[in-house]
Amino acid sequence: MIILFLLIAGNAFILNLVLPWWSVVLPGLFFGYRMHETPIRAFGIGFLAVFLAWGVHSLYIHIASDGILSARIAELFGLMQDWVLIVITAVIGGILSGFATLTSSLLAQSRNKKY
């Protein structure tokens, strides 16, 4: 369980440095299929891994730009606080990875069933 969390979080973080935003689903798809977790646990682990990875990365960008970038984007979307943007970003990443990990876990489970 912890290994799956670390694999998804680490790979998602590294892939997002060089690939587009949707690359966050790739580690969830791959490792969710390989680790054979139950679907509920797979979703939770995938969600939490990327939630923390994107949240930490967003917080780093917020701190590095002294909050200017976050404030301007939050204003663009009509948000009152900068931190709400960071939380929304982390939740979107978590949902994407959670569903990717859930999908691959269900695929592995269906392929392993005996008919």
Protein backbone atom coordinates (compact mmCIF):
# COMPACT_ATOMS: atom_id res chain seq x y z
CA MET A 1 0.00 0.00 0.00
CA ILE A 2 2.74 2.46 0.93
CA ILE A 3 4.82 1.31 -2.01
CA LEU A 4 1.93 1.97 -4.40
CA PHE A 5 1.45 5.42 -2.86
CA LEU A 6 5.13 6.31 -3.25
CA LEU A 7 5.35 4.94 -6.79
CA ILE A 8 2.32 6.89 -7.99
CA ALA A 9 3.24 10.12 -6.20
CA GLY A 10 6.88 10.10 -7.25
CA ASN A 11 6.29 9.18 -10.85
CA ALA A 12 3.37 11.60 -11.23
CA PHE A 13 5.51 14.43 -9.85
CA ILE A 14 8.41 13.64 -12.19
CA LEU A 15 6.20 13.15 -15.24
CA ASN A 16 4.46 16.48 -14.64
CA LEU A 17 7.79 18.25 -14.85
CA VAL A 18 8.32 17.17 -18.47
CA LEU A 19 4.90 16.11 -19.82
CA PRO A 20 1.46 17.79 -19.98
CA TRP A 21 -0.93 17.87 -17.02
CA TRP A 22 -2.79 14.71 -18.07
CA SER A 23 0.36 12.61 -17.60
CA VAL A 24 -0.66 12.28 -13.95
CA VAL A 25 -2.92 9.37 -14.95
CA LEU A 26 -0.10 7.26 -16.41
CA PRO A 27 1.46 6.08 -13.12
CA GLY A 28 -2.00 5.35 -11.73
CA LEU A 29 -2.90 3.27 -14.77
CA PHE A 30 0.34 1.31 -14.74
CA PHE A 31 0.85 0.70 -11.03
CA GLY A 32 -2.82 0.21 -10.28
CA TYR A 33 -2.84 -2.70 -12.71
CA ARG A 34 0.36 -4.21 -11.29
CA MET A 35 -0.25 -3.93 -7.55
CA HIS A 36 -3.57 -5.83 -7.29
CA GLU A 37 -5.31 -3.66 -4.71
CA THR A 38 -9.05 -3.68 -4.12
CA PRO A 39 -10.85 -1.03 -6.18
CA ILE A 40 -11.73 1.17 -3.20
CA ARG A 41 -8.19 1.13 -1.85
CA ALA A 42 -6.77 1.70 -5.33
CA PHE A 43 -8.91 4.82 -5.77
CA GLY A 44 -7.97 6.11 -2.32
CA ILE A 45 -4.26 5.54 -2.79
CA GLY A 46 -4.26 7.07 -6.28
CA PHE A 47 -6.27 10.06 -5.09
CA LEU A 48 -4.13 10.73 -2.03
CA ALA A 49 -0.82 10.29 -3.88
CA VAL A 50 -1.50 12.87 -6.56
CA PHE A 51 -3.49 15.11 -4.22
CA LEU A 52 -0.36 15.50 -2.13
CA ALA A 53 2.01 15.68 -5.12
CA TRP A 54 0.02 18.40 -6.90
CA GLY A 55 -0.74 20.18 -3.65
CA VAL A 56 2.92 20.37 -2.69
CA HIS A 57 3.90 21.43 -6.19
CA SER A 58 1.20 24.14 -6.27
CA LEU A 59 2.26 25.36 -2.85
CA TYR A 60 5.88 25.51 -4.01
CA ILE A 61 4.89 27.59 -7.05
CA HIS A 62 2.79 29.83 -4.79
CA ILE A 63 5.68 30.41 -2.40
CA ALA A 64 8.28 30.83 -5.17
CA SER A 65 6.23 33.55 -6.88
CA ASP A 66 5.36 35.26 -3.57
CA GLY A 67 1.72 34.47 -4.24
CA ILE A 68 1.48 36.76 -7.24
CA LEU A 69 0.72 34.02 -9.75
CA SER A 70 -1.82 32.34 -7.48
CA ALA A 71 -3.51 35.63 -6.68
CA ARG A 72 -3.91 36.55 -10.34
CA ILE A 73 -5.27 33.15 -11.34
CA ALA A 74 -7.60 33.08 -8.32
CA GLU A 75 -8.87 36.52 -9.32
CA LEU A 76 -9.37 35.30 -12.88
CA PHE A 77 -11.61 32.47 -11.62
CA GLY A 78 -13.41 34.68 -9.12
CA LEU A 79 -11.95 33.06 -6.00
CA MET A 80 -11.46 35.17 -2.91
CA GLN A 81 -8.47 33.34 -1.42
CA ASP A 82 -5.25 32.05 -2.99
CA TRP A 83 -5.22 28.84 -0.98
CA VAL A 84 -8.58 27.77 -2.46
CA LEU A 85 -6.89 27.59 -5.86
CA ILE A 86 -4.18 25.32 -4.44
CA VAL A 87 -6.78 23.00 -2.89
CA ILE A 88 -8.86 22.89 -6.09
CA THR A 89 -5.74 22.06 -8.10
CA ALA A 90 -4.83 19.24 -5.73
CA VAL A 91 -8.38 17.83 -5.74
CA ILE A 92 -8.56 17.80 -9.55
CA GLY A 93 -5.25 15.95 -9.75
CA GLY A 94 -6.34 13.53 -7.06
CA ILE A 95 -9.62 12.74 -8.81
CA LEU A 96 -7.83 12.14 -12.11
CA SER A 97 -5.31 9.77 -10.58
CA GLY A 98 -7.90 8.09 -8.37
CA PHE A 99 -10.10 7.22 -11.33
CA ALA A 100 -7.10 6.07 -13.37
CA THR A 101 -5.94 3.77 -10.58
CA LEU A 102 -9.50 2.53 -10.03
CA THR A 103 -9.88 1.78 -13.74
CA SER A 104 -6.68 -0.22 -13.95
CA SER A 105 -7.47 -2.05 -10.72
CA LEU A 106 -10.88 -3.07 -12.06
CA LEU A 107 -9.30 -4.13 -15.34
CA ALA A 108 -6.78 -6.32 -13.52
CA GLN A 109 -9.54 -7.76 -11.38
CA SER A 110 -11.71 -8.61 -14.40
CA ARG A 111 -8.79 -10.21 -16.25
CA ASN A 112 -7.96 -12.43 -13.27
CA LYS A 113 -11.50 -13.82 -12.84
CA LYS A 114 -12.08 -17.44 -13.68
CA TYR A 115 -15.13 -18.02 -15.85
